[in-house]
Amino acid sequence: MTANSNRRKAFLEEMDLGPLWTQRHAPSGPEDALAAPDDGTAMPGREAGAQRSAQVAMPVEEAGLPVHPSAPPQPEVALMDWATLKANVAGCVKCDLCRGRTRTVFGVGDEKARWLFIGEGPGRNEDLQGEPFVGQAGKLLDNMLIAMGLRRGENAYIANIVKCRPTDDNGRDRPPTADEVAACLPYLERQIELIQPTMLVALGKTAALALLGLDPDTPVSRLRGKIHRYAGRPLVVTYHPAYLLRNMADKRKSWEDLSLAMATYAGAD
């Protein structure tokens, strides 16, 4: 076992995170640190049943705010500072997702982070709490960060392609449409410019295709294992934590992706 492996193992044990990441057999590499809860509660990152941790904001329609397509003109997103950007996201009505949201989910973390992790969009828990990646998928992502020597809020920032929860006619989570992505992507682009990250990690298909501008039929498997570029910055594609909760056999592949990202980051210093 390498010194890095020992360090990660000791750190995880100290943080009482063993059930998520404990190595269950003689490892062939640090990728065996990737694991997920096996307590029967594993659900996608948008699983139902989470308790609200804060007061719920009033939906847009009940608040009497205008909705798409009659949204008022907005300041140039590319010129916004953090405060202005956050305020505009909170009141955004650029697409119909604003009609059903409880909260917008701006992003969370170190605003000068060298690492930026980008997912698809909020689920039910995120919509209630206003923070990306909560619930079981969020716990898994947090432990992925720890295995990389990172932590939510310390040299890492977490955001999504869209800031409002996309749902179908039955209230179930769904991927955002192309129009919804196009309406919201300028906010993420401005976040990237303000953060100035060294390394980007796309978590899942929606994030990867939106950032790289690829055909919607492109599988994640075709994008893994290589360095892409977004706005001149290296970008690595891996599986979404919610996917890993349902497909644990691919955790090794995800660790390979994260290892590629770490090696690329080390070479950029």
C-alpha atoms as a PDB file:
ATOM      1  CA  MET A   1       0.000   0.000   0.000  1.00  0.00           C
ATOM      2  CA  THR A   2       1.405   3.391  -0.957  1.00  0.00           C
ATOM      3  CA  ALA A   3       1.886   6.282   1.420  1.00  0.00           C
ATOM      4  CA  ASN A   4      -0.964   8.114  -0.284  1.00  0.00           C
ATOM      5  CA  SER A   5      -3.236   5.112   0.172  1.00  0.00           C
ATOM      6  CA  ASN A   6      -2.322   4.926   3.869  1.00  0.00           C
ATOM      7  CA  ARG A   7      -3.000   8.629   4.270  1.00  0.00           C
ATOM      8  CA  ARG A   8      -6.415   8.402   2.629  1.00  0.00           C
ATOM      9  CA  LYS A   9      -7.350   5.310   4.643  1.00  0.00           C
ATOM     10  CA  ALA A  10      -6.358   6.933   7.929  1.00  0.00           C
ATOM     11  CA  PHE A  11      -8.192  10.116   7.071  1.00  0.00           C
ATOM     12  CA  LEU A  12     -11.380   8.301   6.137  1.00  0.00           C
ATOM     13  CA  GLU A  13     -11.293   6.261   9.322  1.00  0.00           C
ATOM     14  CA  GLU A  14     -10.746   9.385  11.399  1.00  0.00           C
ATOM     15  CA  MET A  15     -13.780  11.019   9.778  1.00  0.00           C
ATOM     16  CA  ASP A  16     -15.867   7.885  10.440  1.00  0.00           C
ATOM     17  CA  LEU A  17     -16.502   7.465   6.719  1.00  0.00           C
ATOM     18  CA  GLY A  18     -15.446   3.844   6.523  1.00  0.00           C
ATOM     19  CA  PRO A  19     -18.889   2.427   5.638  1.00  0.00           C
ATOM     20  CA  LEU A  20     -18.853   4.429   2.448  1.00  0.00           C
ATOM     21  CA  TRP A  21     -15.256   3.902   1.419  1.00  0.00           C
ATOM     22  CA  THR A  22     -13.722   1.040   3.430  1.00  0.00           C
ATOM     23  CA  GLN A  23     -11.694  -1.367   1.300  1.00  0.00           C
ATOM     24  CA  ARG A  24     -13.381  -4.729   1.521  1.00  0.00           C
ATOM     25  CA  HIS A  25     -10.660  -6.860  -0.060  1.00  0.00           C
ATOM     26  CA  ALA A  26      -7.010  -6.685  -0.916  1.00  0.00           C
ATOM     27  CA  PRO A  27      -6.948  -3.657  -3.216  1.00  0.00           C
ATOM     28  CA  SER A  28      -5.308  -3.508  -6.588  1.00  0.00           C
ATOM     29  CA  GLY A  29      -5.223   0.262  -6.328  1.00  0.00           C
ATOM     30  CA  PRO A  30      -6.774   3.212  -4.530  1.00  0.00           C
ATOM     31  CA  GLU A  31      -9.832   2.945  -6.726  1.00  0.00           C
ATOM     32  CA  ASP A  32     -11.163   0.359  -4.261  1.00  0.00           C
ATOM     33  CA  ALA A  33     -11.753   3.241  -1.898  1.00  0.00           C
ATOM     34  CA  LEU A  34     -14.851   4.064  -3.953  1.00  0.00           C
ATOM     35  CA  ALA A  35     -17.883   2.501  -2.370  1.00  0.00           C
ATOM     36  CA  ALA A  36     -21.426   3.476  -1.479  1.00  0.00           C
ATOM     37  CA  PRO A  37     -23.883   2.818   1.309  1.00  0.00           C
ATOM     38  CA  ASP A  38     -25.248  -0.723   1.311  1.00  0.00           C
ATOM     39  CA  ASP A  39     -27.853  -0.051   3.963  1.00  0.00           C
ATOM     40  CA  GLY A  40     -30.731  -0.191   1.515  1.00  0.00           C
ATOM     41  CA  THR A  41     -31.172   3.571   1.463  1.00  0.00           C
ATOM     42  CA  ALA A  42     -29.090   4.210  -1.645  1.00  0.00           C
ATOM     43  CA  MET A  43     -31.079   6.243  -4.109  1.00  0.00           C
ATOM     44  CA  PRO A  44     -30.197   8.623  -6.944  1.00  0.00           C
ATOM     45  CA  GLY A  45     -28.927  12.041  -5.881  1.00  0.00           C
ATOM     46  CA  ARG A  46     -32.473  13.305  -6.071  1.00  0.00           C
ATOM     47  CA  GLU A  47     -34.070  10.694  -3.828  1.00  0.00           C
ATOM     48  CA  ALA A  48     -37.237  11.616  -2.006  1.00  0.00           C
ATOM     49  CA  GLY A  49     -37.755  11.770   1.709  1.00  0.00           C
ATOM     50  CA  ALA A  50     -35.196  14.324   2.873  1.00  0.00           C
ATOM     51  CA  GLN A  51     -36.223  16.727   5.613  1.00  0.00           C
ATOM     52  CA  ARG A  52     -36.141  20.424   4.940  1.00  0.00           C
ATOM     53  CA  SER A  53     -33.213  22.021   6.718  1.00  0.00           C
ATOM     54  CA  ALA A  54     -34.326  25.610   6.251  1.00  0.00           C
ATOM     55  CA  GLN A  55     -37.398  27.669   5.512  1.00  0.00           C
ATOM     56  CA  VAL A  56     -38.765  26.941   2.030  1.00  0.00           C
ATOM     57  CA  ALA A  57     -38.899  29.830  -0.383  1.00  0.00           C
ATOM     58  CA  MET A  58     -42.195  30.767  -2.023  1.00  0.00           C
ATOM     59  CA  PRO A  59     -42.597  29.416  -5.586  1.00  0.00           C
ATOM     60  CA  VAL A  60     -42.236  31.968  -8.357  1.00  0.00           C
ATOM     61  CA  GLU A  61     -45.894  31.969  -9.373  1.00  0.00           C
ATOM     62  CA  GLU A  62     -47.128  32.416  -5.788  1.00  0.00           C
ATOM     63  CA  ALA A  63     -44.676  35.257  -5.303  1.00  0.00           C
ATOM     64  CA  GLY A  64     -46.258  37.065  -8.223  1.00  0.00           C
ATOM     65  CA  LEU A  65     -43.027  37.160 -10.235  1.00  0.00           C
ATOM     66  CA  PRO A  66     -43.114  37.215 -14.040  1.00  0.00           C
ATOM     67  CA  VAL A  67     -42.355  33.976 -15.808  1.00  0.00           C
ATOM     68  CA  HIS A  68     -40.885  32.999 -19.158  1.00  0.00           C
ATOM     69  CA  PRO A  69     -41.271  34.141 -21.900  1.00  0.00           C
ATOM     70  CA  SER A  70     -42.112  37.623 -20.574  1.00  0.00           C
ATOM     71  CA  ALA A  71     -39.019  37.926 -18.391  1.00  0.00           C
ATOM     72  CA  PRO A  72     -37.653  41.465 -18.049  1.00  0.00           C
ATOM     73  CA  PRO A  73     -34.250  42.298 -19.565  1.00  0.00           C
ATOM     74  CA  GLN A  74     -31.326  41.193 -17.436  1.00  0.00           C
ATOM     75  CA  PRO A  75     -27.862  42.755 -16.997  1.00  0.00           C
ATOM     76  CA  GLU A  76     -25.083  41.209 -19.064  1.00  0.00           C
ATOM     77  CA  VAL A  77     -24.262  37.973 -17.226  1.00  0.00           C
ATOM     78  CA  ALA A  78     -20.646  38.041 -18.357  1.00  0.00           C
ATOM     79  CA  LEU A  79     -20.114  41.301 -16.428  1.00  0.00           C
ATOM     80  CA  MET A  80     -21.700  40.278 -13.116  1.00  0.00           C
ATOM     81  CA  ASP A  81     -19.807  40.011  -9.847  1.00  0.00           C
ATOM     82  CA  TRP A  82     -20.624  37.256  -7.345  1.00  0.00           C
ATOM     83  CA  ALA A  83     -23.319  39.188  -5.511  1.00  0.00           C
ATOM     84  CA  THR A  84     -25.089  40.276  -8.688  1.00  0.00           C
ATOM     85  CA  LEU A  85     -24.841  36.820 -10.197  1.00  0.00           C
ATOM     86  CA  LYS A  86     -26.335  35.150  -7.121  1.00  0.00           C
ATOM     87  CA  ALA A  87     -29.172  37.671  -6.997  1.00  0.00           C
ATOM     88  CA  ASN A  88     -29.985  37.177 -10.665  1.00  0.00           C
ATOM     89  CA  VAL A  89     -29.978  33.401 -10.370  1.00  0.00           C
ATOM     90  CA  ALA A  90     -32.294  33.612  -7.343  1.00  0.00           C
ATOM     91  CA  GLY A  91     -34.818  35.633  -9.341  1.00  0.00           C
ATOM     92  CA  CYS A  92     -34.252  34.085 -12.755  1.00  0.00           C
ATOM     93  CA  VAL A  93     -37.331  33.496 -14.953  1.00  0.00           C
ATOM     94  CA  LYS A  94     -35.560  32.782 -18.235  1.00  0.00           C
ATOM     95  CA  CYS A  95     -37.248  29.402 -18.714  1.00  0.00           C
ATOM     96  CA  ASP A  96     -40.266  27.512 -17.464  1.00  0.00           C
ATOM     97  CA  LEU A  97     -38.301  25.692 -14.760  1.00  0.00           C
ATOM     98  CA  CYS A  98     -38.886  28.735 -12.569  1.00  0.00           C
ATOM     99  CA  ARG A  99     -42.593  27.851 -12.358  1.00  0.00           C
ATOM    100  CA  GLY A 100     -42.094  24.755 -10.251  1.00  0.00           C
ATOM    101  CA  ARG A 101     -39.034  25.478  -8.182  1.00  0.00           C
ATOM    102  CA  THR A 102     -38.863  25.925  -4.432  1.00  0.00           C
ATOM    103  CA  ARG A 103     -35.317  27.285  -4.436  1.00  0.00           C
ATOM    104  CA  THR A 104     -32.690  27.933  -7.032  1.00  0.00           C
ATOM    105  CA  VAL A 105     -29.472  25.970  -6.469  1.00  0.00           C
ATOM    106  CA  PHE A 106     -26.617  28.321  -7.229  1.00  0.00           C
ATOM    107  CA  GLY A 107     -23.608  26.232  -6.196  1.00  0.00           C
ATOM    108  CA  VAL A 108     -21.454  25.767  -3.139  1.00  0.00           C
ATOM    109  CA  GLY A 109     -17.793  25.803  -2.225  1.00  0.00           C
ATOM    110  CA  ASP A 110     -14.568  27.748  -2.375  1.00  0.00           C
ATOM    111  CA  GLU A 111     -14.988  30.664  -4.777  1.00  0.00           C
ATOM    112  CA  LYS A 112     -11.253  30.537  -5.512  1.00  0.00           C
ATOM    113  CA  ALA A 113     -11.153  26.748  -5.867  1.00  0.00           C
ATOM    114  CA  ARG A 114      -8.760  25.046  -8.250  1.00  0.00           C
ATOM    115  CA  TRP A 115     -11.277  22.197  -8.724  1.00  0.00           C
ATOM    116  CA  LEU A 116     -14.772  22.611 -10.162  1.00  0.00           C
ATOM    117  CA  PHE A 117     -17.221  19.676 -10.168  1.00  0.00           C
ATOM    118  CA  ILE A 118     -20.294  20.066 -12.374  1.00  0.00           C
ATOM    119  CA  GLY A 119     -23.435  17.945 -12.257  1.00  0.00           C
ATOM    120  CA  GLU A 120     -26.748  17.958 -14.089  1.00  0.00           C
ATOM    121  CA  GLY A 121     -29.268  19.863 -12.010  1.00  0.00           C
ATOM    122  CA  PRO A 122     -31.102  19.917  -8.687  1.00  0.00           C
ATOM    123  CA  GLY A 123     -33.255  17.052  -7.517  1.00  0.00           C
ATOM    124  CA  ARG A 124     -35.983  17.133  -4.880  1.00  0.00           C
ATOM    125  CA  ASN A 125     -33.626  17.415  -1.906  1.00  0.00           C
ATOM    126  CA  GLU A 126     -31.526  20.085  -3.589  1.00  0.00           C
ATOM    127  CA  ASP A 127     -34.647  22.046  -4.542  1.00  0.00           C
ATOM    128  CA  LEU A 128     -35.747  22.052  -0.904  1.00  0.00           C
ATOM    129  CA  GLN A 129     -32.369  22.909   0.603  1.00  0.00           C
ATOM    130  CA  GLY A 130     -30.880  25.146  -2.088  1.00  0.00           C
ATOM    131  CA  GLU A 131     -27.574  23.249  -2.173  1.00  0.00           C
ATOM    132  CA  PRO A 132     -26.232  20.870  -4.837  1.00  0.00           C
ATOM    133  CA  PHE A 133     -25.539  17.207  -4.192  1.00  0.00           C
ATOM    134  CA  VAL A 134     -27.265  16.390  -0.923  1.00  0.00           C
ATOM    135  CA  GLY A 135     -28.584  12.988   0.106  1.00  0.00           C
ATOM    136  CA  GLN A 136     -26.813   9.701  -0.660  1.00  0.00           C
ATOM    137  CA  ALA A 137     -25.271  10.895  -3.925  1.00  0.00           C
ATOM    138  CA  GLY A 138     -23.972  13.967  -2.120  1.00  0.00           C
ATOM    139  CA  LYS A 139     -22.373  11.800   0.567  1.00  0.00           C
ATOM    140  CA  LEU A 140     -20.715   9.726  -2.110  1.00  0.00           C
ATOM    141  CA  LEU A 141     -19.417  12.829  -3.872  1.00  0.00           C
ATOM    142  CA  ASP A 142     -18.081  14.206  -0.587  1.00  0.00           C
ATOM    143  CA  ASN A 143     -16.148  10.996  -0.034  1.00  0.00           C
ATOM    144  CA  MET A 144     -14.837  11.036  -3.574  1.00  0.00           C
ATOM    145  CA  LEU A 145     -13.482  14.502  -2.803  1.00  0.00           C
ATOM    146  CA  ILE A 146     -11.904  13.310   0.438  1.00  0.00           C
ATOM    147  CA  ALA A 147     -10.173  10.443  -1.379  1.00  0.00           C
ATOM    148  CA  MET A 148      -8.703  13.079  -3.702  1.00  0.00           C
ATOM    149  CA  GLY A 149      -7.469  15.153  -0.771  1.00  0.00           C
ATOM    150  CA  LEU A 150     -10.262  17.703  -1.229  1.00  0.00           C
ATOM    151  CA  ARG A 151     -13.307  18.734   0.742  1.00  0.00           C
ATOM    152  CA  ARG A 152     -16.561  20.513  -0.073  1.00  0.00           C
ATOM    153  CA  GLY A 153     -15.772  24.175   0.470  1.00  0.00           C
ATOM    154  CA  GLU A 154     -11.976  23.755   0.538  1.00  0.00           C
ATOM    155  CA  ASN A 155     -10.314  24.074  -2.871  1.00  0.00           C
ATOM    156  CA  ALA A 156     -13.429  22.582  -4.483  1.00  0.00           C
ATOM    157  CA  TYR A 157     -16.589  24.149  -5.878  1.00  0.00           C
ATOM    158  CA  ILE A 158     -19.730  22.200  -6.839  1.00  0.00           C
ATOM    159  CA  ALA A 159     -22.290  23.456  -9.351  1.00  0.00           C
ATOM    160  CA  ASN A 160     -24.831  22.191 -11.869  1.00  0.00           C
ATOM    161  CA  ILE A 161     -25.666  22.834 -15.498  1.00  0.00           C
ATOM    162  CA  VAL A 162     -29.112  24.193 -14.542  1.00  0.00           C
ATOM    163  CA  LYS A 163     -30.048  25.966 -11.320  1.00  0.00           C
ATOM    164  CA  CYS A 164     -33.701  24.848 -11.032  1.00  0.00           C
ATOM    165  CA  ARG A 165     -35.114  21.352 -10.679  1.00  0.00           C
ATOM    166  CA  PRO A 166     -36.384  19.815 -13.947  1.00  0.00           C
ATOM    167  CA  THR A 167     -39.399  17.519 -13.520  1.00  0.00           C
ATOM    168  CA  ASP A 168     -41.767  15.714 -15.855  1.00  0.00           C
ATOM    169  CA  ASP A 169     -45.564  15.885 -15.872  1.00  0.00           C
ATOM    170  CA  ASN A 170     -45.666  13.389 -12.989  1.00  0.00           C
ATOM    171  CA  GLY A 171     -43.279  15.402 -10.824  1.00  0.00           C
ATOM    172  CA  ARG A 172     -40.347  13.045 -11.371  1.00  0.00           C
ATOM    173  CA  ASP A 173     -36.822  14.284 -11.994  1.00  0.00           C
ATOM    174  CA  ARG A 174     -35.673  14.412 -15.604  1.00  0.00           C
ATOM    175  CA  PRO A 175     -32.686  15.745 -17.549  1.00  0.00           C
ATOM    176  CA  PRO A 176     -32.972  19.396 -18.601  1.00  0.00           C
ATOM    177  CA  THR A 177     -33.954  20.134 -22.186  1.00  0.00           C
ATOM    178  CA  ALA A 178     -31.631  21.835 -24.658  1.00  0.00           C
ATOM    179  CA  ASP A 179     -33.549  25.105 -24.261  1.00  0.00           C
ATOM    180  CA  GLU A 180     -33.295  24.942 -20.467  1.00  0.00           C
ATOM    181  CA  VAL A 181     -29.560  24.296 -20.692  1.00  0.00           C
ATOM    182  CA  ALA A 182     -29.112  27.186 -23.128  1.00  0.00           C
ATOM    183  CA  ALA A 183     -31.009  29.547 -20.814  1.00  0.00           C
ATOM    184  CA  CYS A 184     -28.989  28.634 -17.730  1.00  0.00           C
ATOM    185  CA  LEU A 185     -25.507  27.919 -19.093  1.00  0.00           C
ATOM    186  CA  PRO A 186     -24.391  31.585 -19.079  1.00  0.00           C
ATOM    187  CA  TYR A 187     -24.657  31.547 -15.276  1.00  0.00           C
ATOM    188  CA  LEU A 188     -22.297  28.577 -15.054  1.00  0.00           C
ATOM    189  CA  GLU A 189     -19.961  30.157 -17.574  1.00  0.00           C
ATOM    190  CA  ARG A 190     -19.755  33.254 -15.404  1.00  0.00           C
ATOM    191  CA  GLN A 191     -19.128  31.125 -12.306  1.00  0.00           C
ATOM    192  CA  ILE A 192     -16.213  29.500 -14.125  1.00  0.00           C
ATOM    193  CA  GLU A 193     -14.765  32.877 -15.060  1.00  0.00           C
ATOM    194  CA  LEU A 194     -15.092  34.160 -11.499  1.00  0.00           C
ATOM    195  CA  ILE A 195     -13.631  31.018  -9.916  1.00  0.00           C
ATOM    196  CA  GLN A 196     -10.836  30.539 -12.473  1.00  0.00           C
ATOM    197  CA  PRO A 197     -10.476  26.801 -11.711  1.00  0.00           C
ATOM    198  CA  THR A 198      -7.507  24.779 -12.876  1.00  0.00           C
ATOM    199  CA  MET A 199      -9.434  21.525 -13.353  1.00  0.00           C
ATOM    200  CA  LEU A 200     -13.028  20.748 -14.316  1.00  0.00           C
ATOM    201  CA  VAL A 201     -14.786  17.428 -13.679  1.00  0.00           C
ATOM    202  CA  ALA A 202     -18.080  16.740 -15.464  1.00  0.00           C
ATOM    203  CA  LEU A 203     -20.246  14.421 -13.387  1.00  0.00           C
ATOM    204  CA  GLY A 204     -22.460  12.472 -15.757  1.00  0.00           C
ATOM    205  CA  LYS A 205     -23.761  12.652 -19.286  1.00  0.00           C
ATOM    206  CA  THR A 206     -25.813  15.847 -19.118  1.00  0.00           C
ATOM    207  CA  ALA A 207     -22.942  17.913 -17.743  1.00  0.00           C
ATOM    208  CA  ALA A 208     -20.426  16.457 -20.182  1.00  0.00           C
ATOM    209  CA  LEU A 209     -22.571  16.961 -23.286  1.00  0.00           C
ATOM    210  CA  ALA A 210     -23.607  20.475 -22.295  1.00  0.00           C
ATOM    211  CA  LEU A 211     -20.037  21.615 -21.643  1.00  0.00           C
ATOM    212  CA  LEU A 212     -18.562  19.939 -24.708  1.00  0.00           C
ATOM    213  CA  GLY A 213     -21.447  20.714 -27.062  1.00  0.00           C
ATOM    214  CA  LEU A 214     -21.828  17.102 -28.200  1.00  0.00           C
ATOM    215  CA  ASP A 215     -24.661  15.105 -29.734  1.00  0.00           C
ATOM    216  CA  PRO A 216     -27.199  13.945 -27.105  1.00  0.00           C
ATOM    217  CA  ASP A 217     -26.680  10.314 -28.105  1.00  0.00           C
ATOM    218  CA  THR A 218     -22.996  10.396 -27.137  1.00  0.00           C
ATOM    219  CA  PRO A 219     -22.405   7.880 -24.304  1.00  0.00           C
ATOM    220  CA  VAL A 220     -20.309   8.783 -21.267  1.00  0.00           C
ATOM    221  CA  SER A 221     -18.159   5.712 -21.922  1.00  0.00           C
ATOM    222  CA  ARG A 222     -16.882   7.324 -25.101  1.00  0.00           C
ATOM    223  CA  LEU A 223     -15.823  10.469 -23.245  1.00  0.00           C
ATOM    224  CA  ARG A 224     -13.999   8.846 -20.349  1.00  0.00           C
ATOM    225  CA  GLY A 225     -10.264   8.243 -20.215  1.00  0.00           C
ATOM    226  CA  LYS A 226      -9.207  11.380 -22.056  1.00  0.00           C
ATOM    227  CA  ILE A 227      -8.594  15.048 -21.390  1.00  0.00           C
ATOM    228  CA  HIS A 228     -11.098  17.420 -22.946  1.00  0.00           C
ATOM    229  CA  ARG A 229     -10.905  21.197 -22.985  1.00  0.00           C
ATOM    230  CA  TYR A 230     -13.502  23.730 -21.917  1.00  0.00           C
ATOM    231  CA  ALA A 231     -12.730  27.443 -22.199  1.00  0.00           C
ATOM    232  CA  GLY A 232      -9.054  26.505 -22.382  1.00  0.00           C
ATOM    233  CA  ARG A 233      -9.188  24.439 -19.189  1.00  0.00           C
ATOM    234  CA  PRO A 234      -8.729  20.673 -18.876  1.00  0.00           C
ATOM    235  CA  LEU A 235     -11.928  18.742 -18.286  1.00  0.00           C
ATOM    236  CA  VAL A 236     -12.364  15.099 -17.301  1.00  0.00           C
ATOM    237  CA  VAL A 237     -15.653  13.225 -17.639  1.00  0.00           C
ATOM    238  CA  THR A 238     -16.778  10.622 -15.124  1.00  0.00           C
ATOM    239  CA  TYR A 239     -19.986   9.012 -13.919  1.00  0.00           C
ATOM    240  CA  HIS A 240     -22.515  10.887 -11.827  1.00  0.00           C
ATOM    241  CA  PRO A 241     -22.513   9.749  -8.157  1.00  0.00           C
ATOM    242  CA  ALA A 242     -26.200   8.832  -8.472  1.00  0.00           C
ATOM    243  CA  TYR A 243     -25.281   6.481 -11.303  1.00  0.00           C
ATOM    244  CA  LEU A 244     -22.564   4.899  -9.174  1.00  0.00           C
ATOM    245  CA  LEU A 245     -25.079   4.211  -6.432  1.00  0.00           C
ATOM    246  CA  ARG A 246     -27.041   2.139  -8.930  1.00  0.00           C
ATOM    247  CA  ASN A 247     -24.038   0.646 -10.731  1.00  0.00           C
ATOM    248  CA  MET A 248     -21.397  -0.082  -8.131  1.00  0.00           C
ATOM    249  CA  ALA A 249     -19.324  -2.153 -10.543  1.00  0.00           C
ATOM    250  CA  ASP A 250     -18.323   1.095 -12.264  1.00  0.00           C
ATOM    251  CA  LYS A 251     -16.785   2.643  -9.154  1.00  0.00           C
ATOM    252  CA  ARG A 252     -13.355   1.436 -10.271  1.00  0.00           C
ATOM    253  CA  LYS A 253     -13.778   3.241 -13.582  1.00  0.00           C
ATOM    254  CA  SER A 254     -14.760   6.408 -11.755  1.00  0.00           C
ATOM    255  CA  TRP A 255     -11.613   6.244  -9.646  1.00  0.00           C
ATOM    256  CA  GLU A 256      -9.585   5.878 -12.856  1.00  0.00           C
ATOM    257  CA  ASP A 257     -11.212   9.087 -14.112  1.00  0.00           C
ATOM    258  CA  LEU A 258     -10.444  10.929 -10.893  1.00  0.00           C
ATOM    259  CA  SER A 259      -6.865   9.659 -10.985  1.00  0.00           C
ATOM    260  CA  LEU A 260      -6.518  11.011 -14.519  1.00  0.00           C
ATOM    261  CA  ALA A 261      -7.846  14.351 -13.314  1.00  0.00           C
ATOM    262  CA  MET A 262      -5.396  14.414 -10.398  1.00  0.00           C
ATOM    263  CA  ALA A 263      -2.458  13.602 -12.668  1.00  0.00           C
ATOM    264  CA  THR A 264      -3.529  16.338 -15.077  1.00  0.00           C
ATOM    265  CA  TYR A 265      -3.908  18.811 -12.233  1.00  0.00           C
ATOM    266  CA  ALA A 266      -0.445  17.936 -10.880  1.00  0.00           C
ATOM    267  CA  GLY A 267       1.033  18.521 -14.315  1.00  0.00           C
ATOM    268  CA  ALA A 268      -0.623  21.924 -14.570  1.00  0.00           C
ATOM    269  CA  ASP A 269       1.137  23.265 -11.455  1.00  0.00           C
END
